[in-house]
Amino acid sequence: MAANNLEPRCRQCRREGVKLYLKGDKCVGKHCTFDKESRRKPPGMHAASPFQRKVSEYGTQLREKQKCRRVYRVLEGQFRTYLAEAERRKGVTGENLLQLLETRLDNVIFRLGVASSRAMARQMVSHRFFTVNGRRVNVPSYQVRVGDVIAVFPSKNDTDIVRAARDKAISRGLPAWLEYKATEMVGTVVSLPTRDQIDTDVQEQLIVEFYSR
């Protein structure tokens, strides 16, 4: 079984003091609990408001790292592996890190609009809903490459979740580094994402500094 963060998702948003959109459609609707003022302070009986606390440089870097991990739903060990690979590659380490996280298969499925959240995308990948270049893949952390073609496995095309995704995906925006044929449920990685094409609200340099201490 793949490792996963089982902490309640709304609690994770409260811990970081920002909306992480971990529940997909619910996070943008009127039922989002984080929109309630009483639910915005960190979890815990004696927790202070994030706007009232004085945070150290270390604390700021830690929160940025934790926020990034939670957005992409990866655990600490795996996150360190991504950072090591980012440092090994040419270019800016922080941007390399985000690029690696963006090109996870579960994130690509989310970006294509086939799933309303990364959690849903992860579950769909684990249940063998998709193929990459014609081969069935059930590993959410699978790294896609330029030119890879992601499609829904034929036997899954008529499931309720896929039909609902097909209707929503037509109206959803798409990153410039991906192409998607909504009627056929086929996506293509046309390039690796650049920093300006990644809308994840994190300061990746703080993450690199955290691990450099």
N, C-alpha and C. Protein backbone atom coordinates (compact mmCIF):
# COMPACT_ATOMS: atom_id res chain seq x y z
N MET A 1 0.84 -1.20 0.00
CA MET A 1 0.00 0.00 0.00
C MET A 1 0.88 1.25 0.00
N ALA A 2 0.50 2.25 -0.81
CA ALA A 2 1.27 3.49 -0.90
C ALA A 2 1.08 4.31 0.37
N ALA A 3 2.15 4.96 0.80
CA ALA A 3 2.07 5.82 1.98
C ALA A 3 1.22 7.03 1.68
N ASN A 4 0.50 7.50 2.69
CA ASN A 4 -0.38 8.65 2.48
C ASN A 4 -0.53 9.41 3.79
N ASN A 5 -0.90 10.67 3.69
CA ASN A 5 -1.14 11.50 4.87
C ASN A 5 -2.61 11.36 5.25
N LEU A 6 -2.86 10.76 6.41
CA LEU A 6 -4.23 10.49 6.84
C LEU A 6 -4.79 11.57 7.76
N GLU A 7 -4.03 12.63 7.99
CA GLU A 7 -4.52 13.72 8.84
C GLU A 7 -5.71 14.40 8.15
N PRO A 8 -6.77 14.73 8.90
CA PRO A 8 -7.94 15.39 8.30
C PRO A 8 -7.52 16.60 7.46
N ARG A 9 -8.09 16.72 6.27
CA ARG A 9 -7.62 17.73 5.33
C ARG A 9 -7.93 19.15 5.78
N CYS A 10 -9.08 19.36 6.36
CA CYS A 10 -9.41 20.71 6.84
C CYS A 10 -8.47 21.13 7.96
N ARG A 11 -8.04 20.18 8.75
CA ARG A 11 -7.09 20.46 9.83
C ARG A 11 -5.74 20.91 9.24
N GLN A 12 -5.36 20.33 8.11
CA GLN A 12 -4.11 20.71 7.47
C GLN A 12 -4.16 22.16 6.99
N CYS A 13 -5.29 22.59 6.46
CA CYS A 13 -5.44 23.99 6.04
C CYS A 13 -5.33 24.91 7.25
N ARG A 14 -5.96 24.53 8.35
CA ARG A 14 -5.90 25.36 9.56
C ARG A 14 -4.47 25.44 10.09
N ARG A 15 -3.75 24.35 10.01
CA ARG A 15 -2.37 24.33 10.49
C ARG A 15 -1.50 25.31 9.70
N GLU A 16 -1.73 25.41 8.39
CA GLU A 16 -0.92 26.29 7.55
C GLU A 16 -1.47 27.70 7.47
N GLY A 17 -2.70 27.91 7.92
CA GLY A 17 -3.28 29.24 7.92
C GLY A 17 -3.73 29.72 6.56
N VAL A 18 -3.78 28.82 5.57
CA VAL A 18 -4.25 29.15 4.22
C VAL A 18 -5.07 28.00 3.67
N LYS A 19 -5.90 28.31 2.70
CA LYS A 19 -6.70 27.26 2.07
C LYS A 19 -5.83 26.50 1.08
N LEU A 20 -5.69 25.18 1.25
CA LEU A 20 -4.84 24.35 0.41
C LEU A 20 -5.61 23.63 -0.70
N TYR A 21 -6.93 23.76 -0.68
CA TYR A 21 -7.79 23.15 -1.72
C TYR A 21 -7.58 21.64 -1.80
N LEU A 22 -7.59 20.99 -0.65
CA LEU A 22 -7.35 19.56 -0.59
C LEU A 22 -8.61 18.73 -0.84
N LYS A 23 -9.78 19.39 -0.79
CA LYS A 23 -11.04 18.66 -0.98
C LYS A 23 -11.72 18.99 -2.30
N GLY A 24 -10.99 19.57 -3.22
CA GLY A 24 -11.54 19.82 -4.54
C GLY A 24 -12.68 20.81 -4.55
N ASP A 25 -13.82 20.39 -5.10
CA ASP A 25 -14.98 21.28 -5.30
C ASP A 25 -15.50 21.86 -3.98
N LYS A 26 -15.40 21.10 -2.90
CA LYS A 26 -15.90 21.60 -1.62
C LYS A 26 -15.14 22.84 -1.17
N CYS A 27 -13.87 22.94 -1.53
CA CYS A 27 -13.05 24.07 -1.09
C CYS A 27 -13.44 25.38 -1.77
N VAL A 28 -14.09 25.30 -2.92
CA VAL A 28 -14.48 26.53 -3.63
C VAL A 28 -15.97 26.82 -3.47
N GLY A 29 -16.67 25.99 -2.73
CA GLY A 29 -18.10 26.19 -2.51
C GLY A 29 -18.40 26.81 -1.16
N LYS A 30 -19.66 26.98 -0.89
CA LYS A 30 -20.10 27.64 0.35
C LYS A 30 -19.94 26.77 1.58
N HIS A 31 -19.63 25.48 1.38
CA HIS A 31 -19.53 24.55 2.51
C HIS A 31 -18.11 24.42 3.05
N CYS A 32 -17.17 25.18 2.51
CA CYS A 32 -15.79 25.11 2.99
C CYS A 32 -15.72 25.64 4.42
N THR A 33 -15.26 24.81 5.35
CA THR A 33 -15.22 25.22 6.75
C THR A 33 -14.14 26.26 7.02
N PHE A 34 -13.12 26.31 6.18
CA PHE A 34 -12.03 27.28 6.41
C PHE A 34 -12.50 28.71 6.23
N ASP A 35 -13.59 28.90 5.50
CA ASP A 35 -14.12 30.24 5.28
C ASP A 35 -14.77 30.83 6.53
N LYS A 36 -15.03 29.96 7.51
CA LYS A 36 -15.60 30.43 8.76
C LYS A 36 -14.49 30.99 9.64
N GLU A 37 -14.67 32.19 10.14
CA GLU A 37 -13.63 32.86 10.92
C GLU A 37 -13.17 32.02 12.10
N SER A 38 -14.10 31.32 12.73
CA SER A 38 -13.77 30.53 13.92
C SER A 38 -12.92 29.30 13.60
N ARG A 39 -12.83 28.96 12.31
CA ARG A 39 -12.10 27.75 11.91
C ARG A 39 -10.73 28.07 11.29
N ARG A 40 -10.33 29.34 11.34
CA ARG A 40 -9.09 29.71 10.67
C ARG A 40 -7.86 29.63 11.58
N LYS A 41 -8.06 29.58 12.88
CA LYS A 41 -6.90 29.49 13.75
C LYS A 41 -6.35 28.06 13.74
N PRO A 42 -5.06 27.89 14.05
CA PRO A 42 -4.45 26.56 14.04
C PRO A 42 -5.19 25.59 14.97
N PRO A 43 -5.13 24.28 14.66
CA PRO A 43 -5.81 23.31 15.51
C PRO A 43 -5.16 23.23 16.89
N GLY A 44 -5.93 22.85 17.88
CA GLY A 44 -5.42 22.74 19.24
C GLY A 44 -6.13 23.68 20.17
N MET A 45 -6.32 23.26 21.41
CA MET A 45 -7.10 24.03 22.37
C MET A 45 -6.49 25.40 22.64
N HIS A 46 -5.16 25.48 22.70
CA HIS A 46 -4.51 26.72 23.10
C HIS A 46 -3.80 27.42 21.93
N ALA A 47 -4.16 27.04 20.72
CA ALA A 47 -3.50 27.61 19.55
C ALA A 47 -3.89 29.07 19.37
N ALA A 48 -2.92 29.88 19.04
CA ALA A 48 -3.16 31.29 18.77
C ALA A 48 -3.41 31.49 17.29
N SER A 49 -4.00 32.59 16.94
CA SER A 49 -4.22 32.93 15.54
C SER A 49 -2.88 33.06 14.85
N PRO A 50 -2.75 32.58 13.58
CA PRO A 50 -1.48 32.70 12.87
C PRO A 50 -1.07 34.16 12.68
N PHE A 51 -2.02 35.09 12.78
CA PHE A 51 -1.71 36.50 12.61
C PHE A 51 -1.22 37.13 13.91
N GLN A 52 -1.34 36.42 15.03
CA GLN A 52 -0.93 36.95 16.32
C GLN A 52 0.41 36.40 16.78
N ARG A 53 0.84 35.31 16.19
CA ARG A 53 2.07 34.67 16.62
C ARG A 53 3.30 35.31 15.96
N LYS A 54 4.39 35.39 16.69
CA LYS A 54 5.65 35.81 16.11
C LYS A 54 6.39 34.56 15.67
N VAL A 55 6.66 34.46 14.38
CA VAL A 55 7.25 33.25 13.83
C VAL A 55 8.72 33.49 13.51
N SER A 56 9.58 32.56 13.90
CA SER A 56 11.01 32.67 13.65
C SER A 56 11.30 32.35 12.18
N GLU A 57 12.54 32.61 11.77
CA GLU A 57 12.95 32.29 10.40
C GLU A 57 12.82 30.79 10.15
N TYR A 58 13.24 30.00 11.14
CA TYR A 58 13.11 28.54 11.03
C TYR A 58 11.65 28.14 10.89
N GLY A 59 10.78 28.76 11.71
CA GLY A 59 9.36 28.44 11.67
C GLY A 59 8.74 28.79 10.33
N THR A 60 9.14 29.91 9.75
CA THR A 60 8.63 30.31 8.44
C THR A 60 9.03 29.30 7.37
N GLN A 61 10.29 28.87 7.40
CA GLN A 61 10.76 27.89 6.43
C GLN A 61 10.06 26.55 6.62
N LEU A 62 9.87 26.15 7.87
CA LEU A 62 9.19 24.88 8.17
C LEU A 62 7.76 24.89 7.65
N ARG A 63 7.04 25.98 7.90
CA ARG A 63 5.64 26.05 7.46
C ARG A 63 5.55 26.01 5.93
N GLU A 64 6.51 26.63 5.25
CA GLU A 64 6.49 26.61 3.78
C GLU A 64 6.72 25.20 3.26
N LYS A 65 7.64 24.50 3.92
CA LYS A 65 7.90 23.11 3.52
C LYS A 65 6.69 22.23 3.77
N GLN A 66 6.08 22.38 4.93
CA GLN A 66 4.92 21.57 5.27
C GLN A 66 3.74 21.88 4.34
N LYS A 67 3.58 23.13 4.01
CA LYS A 67 2.50 23.52 3.09
C LYS A 67 2.67 22.84 1.73
N CYS A 68 3.90 22.87 1.23
CA CYS A 68 4.17 22.25 -0.07
C CYS A 68 3.92 20.75 -0.03
N ARG A 69 4.38 20.09 1.02
CA ARG A 69 4.15 18.65 1.17
C ARG A 69 2.67 18.31 1.17
N ARG A 70 1.90 19.13 1.86
CA ARG A 70 0.47 18.85 1.99
C ARG A 70 -0.28 19.12 0.70
N VAL A 71 0.12 20.14 -0.02
CA VAL A 71 -0.53 20.43 -1.30
C VAL A 71 -0.36 19.24 -2.25
N TYR A 72 0.84 18.71 -2.33
CA TYR A 72 1.11 17.61 -3.27
C TYR A 72 0.93 16.23 -2.65
N ARG A 73 0.59 16.19 -1.36
CA ARG A 73 0.25 14.95 -0.68
C ARG A 73 1.41 13.94 -0.72
N VAL A 74 2.59 14.39 -0.28
CA VAL A 74 3.73 13.48 -0.17
C VAL A 74 4.24 13.52 1.26
N LEU A 75 4.79 12.42 1.71
CA LEU A 75 5.32 12.32 3.06
C LEU A 75 6.77 12.80 3.10
N GLU A 76 7.30 12.94 4.30
CA GLU A 76 8.61 13.57 4.49
C GLU A 76 9.73 12.84 3.76
N GLY A 77 9.79 11.52 3.88
CA GLY A 77 10.86 10.77 3.24
C GLY A 77 10.86 10.95 1.73
N GLN A 78 9.68 10.89 1.14
CA GLN A 78 9.57 11.06 -0.30
C GLN A 78 9.92 12.49 -0.72
N PHE A 79 9.53 13.44 0.12
CA PHE A 79 9.82 14.84 -0.18
C PHE A 79 11.33 15.08 -0.19
N ARG A 80 12.04 14.48 0.74
CA ARG A 80 13.50 14.60 0.78
C ARG A 80 14.13 13.98 -0.47
N THR A 81 13.55 12.89 -0.95
CA THR A 81 14.05 12.26 -2.17
C THR A 81 13.89 13.19 -3.36
N TYR A 82 12.74 13.86 -3.42
CA TYR A 82 12.53 14.83 -4.51
C TYR A 82 13.55 15.96 -4.43
N LEU A 83 13.82 16.44 -3.23
CA LEU A 83 14.77 17.54 -3.07
C LEU A 83 16.17 17.10 -3.50
N ALA A 84 16.57 15.89 -3.14
CA ALA A 84 17.88 15.39 -3.52
C ALA A 84 18.01 15.32 -5.04
N GLU A 85 16.94 14.87 -5.70
CA GLU A 85 16.95 14.82 -7.16
C GLU A 85 16.97 16.22 -7.77
N ALA A 86 16.26 17.15 -7.13
CA ALA A 86 16.24 18.54 -7.60
C ALA A 86 17.63 19.16 -7.51
N GLU A 87 18.36 18.83 -6.44
CA GLU A 87 19.72 19.35 -6.27
C GLU A 87 20.67 18.74 -7.30
N ARG A 88 20.42 17.52 -7.67
CA ARG A 88 21.30 16.83 -8.63
C ARG A 88 21.15 17.39 -10.04
N ARG A 89 19.94 17.88 -10.37
CA ARG A 89 19.68 18.38 -11.71
C ARG A 89 20.26 19.77 -11.92
N LYS A 90 20.50 20.11 -13.16
CA LYS A 90 20.97 21.45 -13.50
C LYS A 90 19.82 22.44 -13.31
N GLY A 91 20.17 23.69 -13.01
CA GLY A 91 19.15 24.71 -12.85
C GLY A 91 18.95 25.11 -11.40
N VAL A 92 17.85 25.81 -11.16
CA VAL A 92 17.52 26.30 -9.82
C VAL A 92 16.86 25.18 -9.03
N THR A 93 17.40 24.87 -7.87
CA THR A 93 16.92 23.72 -7.09
C THR A 93 15.44 23.84 -6.75
N GLY A 94 14.99 25.01 -6.29
CA GLY A 94 13.59 25.17 -5.92
C GLY A 94 12.65 24.93 -7.08
N GLU A 95 13.00 25.46 -8.26
CA GLU A 95 12.16 25.26 -9.43
C GLU A 95 12.18 23.81 -9.89
N ASN A 96 13.34 23.17 -9.77
CA ASN A 96 13.43 21.74 -10.11
C ASN A 96 12.52 20.91 -9.20
N LEU A 97 12.48 21.29 -7.92
CA LEU A 97 11.64 20.58 -6.96
C LEU A 97 10.17 20.66 -7.36
N LEU A 98 9.70 21.86 -7.65
CA LEU A 98 8.31 22.02 -8.05
C LEU A 98 8.02 21.29 -9.36
N GLN A 99 8.97 21.30 -10.26
CA GLN A 99 8.79 20.60 -11.53
C GLN A 99 8.61 19.09 -11.31
N LEU A 100 9.40 18.53 -10.40
CA LEU A 100 9.28 17.11 -10.09
C LEU A 100 7.92 16.79 -9.47
N LEU A 101 7.46 17.66 -8.59
CA LEU A 101 6.16 17.44 -7.95
C LEU A 101 5.02 17.59 -8.95
N GLU A 102 5.15 18.55 -9.86
CA GLU A 102 4.10 18.78 -10.86
C GLU A 102 3.98 17.62 -11.83
N THR A 103 5.08 16.95 -12.11
CA THR A 103 5.05 15.88 -13.11
C THR A 103 4.79 14.50 -12.51
N ARG A 104 4.36 14.45 -11.26
CA ARG A 104 3.81 13.21 -10.71
C ARG A 104 2.53 12.88 -11.46
N LEU A 105 2.27 11.62 -11.67
CA LEU A 105 1.08 11.24 -12.44
C LEU A 105 -0.20 11.71 -11.78
N ASP A 106 -0.30 11.59 -10.44
CA ASP A 106 -1.54 12.01 -9.79
C ASP A 106 -1.77 13.51 -9.95
N ASN A 107 -0.69 14.30 -9.91
CA ASN A 107 -0.85 15.74 -10.11
C ASN A 107 -1.23 16.07 -11.55
N VAL A 108 -0.67 15.34 -12.51
CA VAL A 108 -1.02 15.57 -13.91
C VAL A 108 -2.49 15.27 -14.15
N ILE A 109 -3.00 14.20 -13.55
CA ILE A 109 -4.42 13.87 -13.67
C ILE A 109 -5.27 15.00 -13.11
N PHE A 110 -4.85 15.56 -11.97
CA PHE A 110 -5.55 16.70 -11.38
C PHE A 110 -5.49 17.91 -12.28
N ARG A 111 -4.32 18.21 -12.83
CA ARG A 111 -4.15 19.36 -13.70
C ARG A 111 -4.96 19.23 -14.98
N LEU A 112 -5.13 18.01 -15.45
CA LEU A 112 -5.94 17.78 -16.65
C LEU A 112 -7.42 18.01 -16.40
N GLY A 113 -7.81 18.05 -15.12
CA GLY A 113 -9.21 18.26 -14.77
C GLY A 113 -10.02 16.99 -14.67
N VAL A 114 -9.36 15.84 -14.77
CA VAL A 114 -10.07 14.57 -14.69
C VAL A 114 -10.49 14.26 -13.25
N ALA A 115 -9.80 14.83 -12.29
CA ALA A 115 -10.14 14.68 -10.87
C ALA A 115 -10.25 16.05 -10.25
N SER A 116 -11.16 16.20 -9.28
CA SER A 116 -11.38 17.51 -8.67
C SER A 116 -10.34 17.85 -7.60
N SER A 117 -9.55 16.87 -7.18
CA SER A 117 -8.51 17.10 -6.17
C SER A 117 -7.38 16.10 -6.41
N ARG A 118 -6.24 16.36 -5.82
CA ARG A 118 -5.12 15.43 -5.95
C ARG A 118 -5.41 14.13 -5.20
N ALA A 119 -6.19 14.22 -4.14
CA ALA A 119 -6.56 13.00 -3.41
C ALA A 119 -7.40 12.08 -4.29
N MET A 120 -8.35 12.67 -5.01
CA MET A 120 -9.17 11.87 -5.93
C MET A 120 -8.32 11.30 -7.05
N ALA A 121 -7.40 12.12 -7.57
CA ALA A 121 -6.52 11.66 -8.65
C ALA A 121 -5.67 10.49 -8.18
N ARG A 122 -5.17 10.59 -6.96
CA ARG A 122 -4.35 9.52 -6.39
C ARG A 122 -5.14 8.22 -6.30
N GLN A 123 -6.37 8.33 -5.85
CA GLN A 123 -7.22 7.14 -5.72
C GLN A 123 -7.52 6.52 -7.08
N MET A 124 -7.80 7.37 -8.06
CA MET A 124 -8.11 6.87 -9.40
C MET A 124 -6.91 6.17 -10.02
N VAL A 125 -5.72 6.75 -9.82
CA VAL A 125 -4.51 6.11 -10.35
C VAL A 125 -4.29 4.76 -9.67
N SER A 126 -4.47 4.72 -8.35
CA SER A 126 -4.27 3.47 -7.60
C SER A 126 -5.25 2.39 -8.04
N HIS A 127 -6.43 2.80 -8.50
CA HIS A 127 -7.43 1.84 -8.97
C HIS A 127 -7.32 1.57 -10.47
N ARG A 128 -6.17 1.92 -11.03
CA ARG A 128 -5.83 1.55 -12.42
C ARG A 128 -6.79 2.14 -13.45
N PHE A 129 -7.14 3.40 -13.27
CA PHE A 129 -8.02 4.08 -14.20
C PHE A 129 -7.29 4.55 -15.47
N PHE A 130 -5.96 4.66 -15.42
CA PHE A 130 -5.25 5.33 -16.49
C PHE A 130 -4.13 4.50 -17.11
N THR A 131 -3.81 4.87 -18.34
CA THR A 131 -2.65 4.30 -19.03
C THR A 131 -1.71 5.44 -19.37
N VAL A 132 -0.43 5.13 -19.43
CA VAL A 132 0.59 6.07 -19.90
C VAL A 132 1.28 5.41 -21.09
N ASN A 133 1.13 6.02 -22.24
CA ASN A 133 1.67 5.45 -23.49
C ASN A 133 1.15 4.04 -23.73
N GLY A 134 -0.12 3.83 -23.38
CA GLY A 134 -0.76 2.55 -23.64
C GLY A 134 -0.57 1.51 -22.56
N ARG A 135 0.27 1.78 -21.57
CA ARG A 135 0.49 0.82 -20.49
C ARG A 135 -0.21 1.28 -19.23
N ARG A 136 -0.90 0.37 -18.58
CA ARG A 136 -1.65 0.71 -17.38
C ARG A 136 -0.68 1.00 -16.23
N VAL A 137 -0.93 2.12 -15.54
CA VAL A 137 -0.06 2.53 -14.43
C VAL A 137 -0.91 2.76 -13.19
N ASN A 138 -0.48 2.22 -12.06
CA ASN A 138 -1.23 2.40 -10.81
C ASN A 138 -0.35 2.98 -9.70
N VAL A 139 0.69 3.72 -10.08
CA VAL A 139 1.61 4.34 -9.12
C VAL A 139 1.42 5.85 -9.18
N PRO A 140 0.81 6.45 -8.15
CA PRO A 140 0.55 7.90 -8.17
C PRO A 140 1.79 8.75 -8.36
N SER A 141 2.95 8.28 -7.86
CA SER A 141 4.19 9.06 -7.94
C SER A 141 4.93 8.87 -9.26
N TYR A 142 4.37 8.11 -10.17
CA TYR A 142 5.00 7.88 -11.47
C TYR A 142 5.34 9.22 -12.13
N GLN A 143 6.59 9.37 -12.59
CA GLN A 143 7.02 10.62 -13.21
C GLN A 143 6.77 10.59 -14.71
N VAL A 144 5.94 11.51 -15.17
CA VAL A 144 5.68 11.60 -16.60
C VAL A 144 6.81 12.38 -17.27
N ARG A 145 6.94 12.18 -18.58
CA ARG A 145 7.97 12.86 -19.36
C ARG A 145 7.32 13.56 -20.55
N VAL A 146 8.10 14.42 -21.17
CA VAL A 146 7.61 15.12 -22.36
C VAL A 146 7.26 14.10 -23.43
N GLY A 147 6.07 14.24 -24.00
CA GLY A 147 5.62 13.31 -25.03
C GLY A 147 4.73 12.20 -24.52
N ASP A 148 4.69 12.00 -23.20
CA ASP A 148 3.83 10.95 -22.64
C ASP A 148 2.36 11.25 -22.91
N VAL A 149 1.62 10.19 -23.22
CA VAL A 149 0.19 10.30 -23.48
C VAL A 149 -0.57 9.58 -22.37
N ILE A 150 -1.42 10.30 -21.68
CA ILE A 150 -2.18 9.74 -20.57
C ILE A 150 -3.63 9.59 -21.00
N ALA A 151 -4.19 8.41 -20.84
CA ALA A 151 -5.56 8.15 -21.27
C ALA A 151 -6.29 7.32 -20.23
N VAL A 152 -7.62 7.38 -20.28
CA VAL A 152 -8.46 6.54 -19.41
C VAL A 152 -8.50 5.14 -19.99
N PHE A 153 -8.30 4.16 -19.13
CA PHE A 153 -8.37 2.77 -19.58
C PHE A 153 -9.78 2.48 -20.11
N PRO A 154 -9.89 1.83 -21.28
CA PRO A 154 -11.21 1.64 -21.93
C PRO A 154 -12.32 1.14 -21.02
N SER A 155 -12.04 0.17 -20.16
CA SER A 155 -13.09 -0.40 -19.32
C SER A 155 -13.60 0.57 -18.26
N LYS A 156 -12.86 1.68 -18.02
CA LYS A 156 -13.25 2.67 -17.02
C LYS A 156 -14.01 3.85 -17.62
N ASN A 157 -14.15 3.88 -18.92
CA ASN A 157 -14.75 5.03 -19.59
C ASN A 157 -16.20 5.29 -19.21
N ASP A 158 -16.93 4.25 -18.87
CA ASP A 158 -18.35 4.40 -18.59
C ASP A 158 -18.68 4.49 -17.11
N THR A 159 -17.68 4.62 -16.26
CA THR A 159 -17.95 4.75 -14.83
C THR A 159 -18.48 6.16 -14.54
N ASP A 160 -19.24 6.28 -13.46
CA ASP A 160 -19.85 7.57 -13.11
C ASP A 160 -18.80 8.65 -12.90
N ILE A 161 -17.71 8.30 -12.23
CA ILE A 161 -16.68 9.30 -11.91
C ILE A 161 -16.02 9.85 -13.17
N VAL A 162 -15.85 9.00 -14.17
CA VAL A 162 -15.23 9.43 -15.43
C VAL A 162 -16.20 10.27 -16.24
N ARG A 163 -17.47 9.88 -16.24
CA ARG A 163 -18.47 10.68 -16.97
C ARG A 163 -18.59 12.07 -16.37
N ALA A 164 -18.58 12.15 -15.04
CA ALA A 164 -18.67 13.46 -14.39
C ALA A 164 -17.43 14.29 -14.70
N ALA A 165 -16.27 13.65 -14.69
CA ALA A 165 -15.02 14.36 -14.98
C ALA A 165 -15.00 14.87 -16.41
N ARG A 166 -15.55 14.10 -17.34
CA ARG A 166 -15.58 14.50 -18.74
C ARG A 166 -16.37 15.78 -18.92
N ASP A 167 -17.48 15.89 -18.21
CA ASP A 167 -18.32 17.09 -18.33
C ASP A 167 -17.64 18.32 -17.74
N LYS A 168 -16.96 18.14 -16.60
CA LYS A 168 -16.31 19.27 -15.93
C LYS A 168 -15.03 19.71 -16.63
N ALA A 169 -14.30 18.76 -17.18
CA ALA A 169 -12.99 19.06 -17.75
C ALA A 169 -13.07 20.00 -18.94
N ILE A 170 -14.20 19.96 -19.66
CA ILE A 170 -14.35 20.79 -20.85
C ILE A 170 -14.28 22.28 -20.50
N SER A 171 -14.80 22.65 -19.31
CA SER A 171 -14.84 24.06 -18.92
C SER A 171 -13.70 24.47 -18.00
N ARG A 172 -12.81 23.57 -17.66
CA ARG A 172 -11.74 23.86 -16.72
C ARG A 172 -10.47 24.31 -17.45
N GLY A 173 -9.75 25.27 -16.87
CA GLY A 173 -8.52 25.75 -17.48
C GLY A 173 -7.44 24.68 -17.49
N LEU A 174 -6.49 24.83 -18.40
CA LEU A 174 -5.45 23.83 -18.56
C LEU A 174 -4.08 24.52 -18.60
N PRO A 175 -3.08 23.99 -17.87
CA PRO A 175 -1.74 24.57 -17.93
C PRO A 175 -1.17 24.49 -19.34
N ALA A 176 -0.30 25.43 -19.67
CA ALA A 176 0.25 25.50 -21.03
C ALA A 176 1.13 24.29 -21.36
N TRP A 177 1.62 23.58 -20.34
CA TRP A 177 2.52 22.46 -20.61
C TRP A 177 1.78 21.14 -20.86
N LEU A 178 0.44 21.21 -20.85
CA LEU A 178 -0.37 20.03 -21.11
C LEU A 178 -1.35 20.29 -22.24
N GLU A 179 -1.68 19.23 -22.97
CA GLU A 179 -2.76 19.27 -23.95
C GLU A 179 -3.79 18.22 -23.55
N TYR A 180 -5.05 18.49 -23.85
CA TYR A 180 -6.09 17.56 -23.40
C TYR A 180 -7.27 17.55 -24.37
N LYS A 181 -7.66 16.36 -24.79
CA LYS A 181 -8.85 16.17 -25.61
C LYS A 181 -9.94 15.63 -24.70
N ALA A 182 -10.83 16.53 -24.28
CA ALA A 182 -11.82 16.17 -23.26
C ALA A 182 -12.78 15.08 -23.74
N THR A 183 -13.18 15.14 -24.98
CA THR A 183 -14.14 14.14 -25.47
C THR A 183 -13.55 12.74 -25.50
N GLU A 184 -12.24 12.65 -25.71
CA GLU A 184 -11.57 11.35 -25.77
C GLU A 184 -10.90 11.00 -24.44
N MET A 185 -10.85 11.98 -23.51
CA MET A 185 -10.18 11.79 -22.21
C MET A 185 -8.72 11.38 -22.40
N VAL A 186 -8.03 12.12 -23.26
CA VAL A 186 -6.61 11.83 -23.54
C VAL A 186 -5.80 13.11 -23.34
N GLY A 187 -4.75 13.02 -22.54
CA GLY A 187 -3.89 14.17 -22.29
C GLY A 187 -2.47 13.88 -22.75
N THR A 188 -1.74 14.95 -23.10
CA THR A 188 -0.36 14.81 -23.56
C THR A 188 0.52 15.83 -22.85
N VAL A 189 1.69 15.39 -22.42
CA VAL A 189 2.66 16.29 -21.80
C VAL A 189 3.48 16.90 -22.93
N VAL A 190 3.28 18.17 -23.23
CA VAL A 190 3.95 18.81 -24.36
C VAL A 190 5.28 19.43 -23.97
N SER A 191 5.47 19.71 -22.68
CA SER A 191 6.74 20.27 -22.20
C SER A 191 6.78 20.11 -20.69
N LEU A 192 7.95 20.33 -20.12
CA LEU A 192 8.05 20.35 -18.67
C LEU A 192 7.60 21.73 -18.18
N PRO A 193 6.91 21.79 -17.04
CA PRO A 193 6.40 23.09 -16.56
C PRO A 193 7.52 24.02 -16.10
N THR A 194 7.41 25.28 -16.47
CA THR A 194 8.32 26.30 -15.96
C THR A 194 7.68 26.92 -14.72
N ARG A 195 8.46 27.67 -13.96
CA ARG A 195 7.94 28.23 -12.70
C ARG A 195 6.72 29.10 -12.92
N ASP A 196 6.70 29.88 -13.99
CA ASP A 196 5.57 30.78 -14.22
C ASP A 196 4.32 30.03 -14.66
N GLN A 197 4.46 28.73 -14.96
CA GLN A 197 3.30 27.92 -15.34
C GLN A 197 2.77 27.10 -14.16
N ILE A 198 3.40 27.25 -13.01
CA ILE A 198 2.98 26.51 -11.81
C ILE A 198 2.34 27.50 -10.84
N ASP A 199 1.05 27.31 -10.57
CA ASP A 199 0.33 28.28 -9.74
C ASP A 199 0.34 27.94 -8.25
N THR A 200 1.10 26.94 -7.85
CA THR A 200 1.17 26.56 -6.44
C THR A 200 1.77 27.71 -5.63
N ASP A 201 1.05 28.15 -4.61
CA ASP A 201 1.45 29.32 -3.83
C ASP A 201 2.43 28.93 -2.73
N VAL A 202 3.67 28.68 -3.12
CA VAL A 202 4.73 28.38 -2.16
C VAL A 202 5.98 29.16 -2.54
N GLN A 203 6.80 29.46 -1.55
CA GLN A 203 8.11 30.09 -1.79
C GLN A 203 9.16 28.98 -1.71
N GLU A 204 9.46 28.42 -2.85
CA GLU A 204 10.31 27.24 -2.88
C GLU A 204 11.72 27.49 -2.35
N GLN A 205 12.20 28.73 -2.41
CA GLN A 205 13.53 29.03 -1.91
C GLN A 205 13.61 28.84 -0.39
N LEU A 206 12.50 29.11 0.31
CA LEU A 206 12.47 28.89 1.75
C LEU A 206 12.59 27.41 2.07
N ILE A 207 12.04 26.57 1.22
CA ILE A 207 12.12 25.12 1.42
C ILE A 207 13.56 24.65 1.27
N VAL A 208 14.23 25.15 0.24
CA VAL A 208 15.63 24.79 0.02
C VAL A 208 16.48 25.25 1.21
N GLU A 209 16.21 26.46 1.70
CA GLU A 209 16.95 26.99 2.84
C GLU A 209 16.70 26.15 4.09
N PHE A 210 15.48 25.65 4.25
CA PHE A 210 15.16 24.82 5.41
C PHE A 210 16.04 23.58 5.46
N TYR A 211 16.20 22.92 4.32
CA TYR A 211 17.00 21.69 4.29
C TYR A 211 18.48 21.96 4.23
N SER A 212 18.87 23.22 4.03
CA SER A 212 20.29 23.56 3.97
C SER A 212 20.85 23.94 5.34
N ARG A 213 20.00 23.96 6.35
CA ARG A 213 20.44 24.38 7.68
C ARG A 213 21.43 23.39 8.28
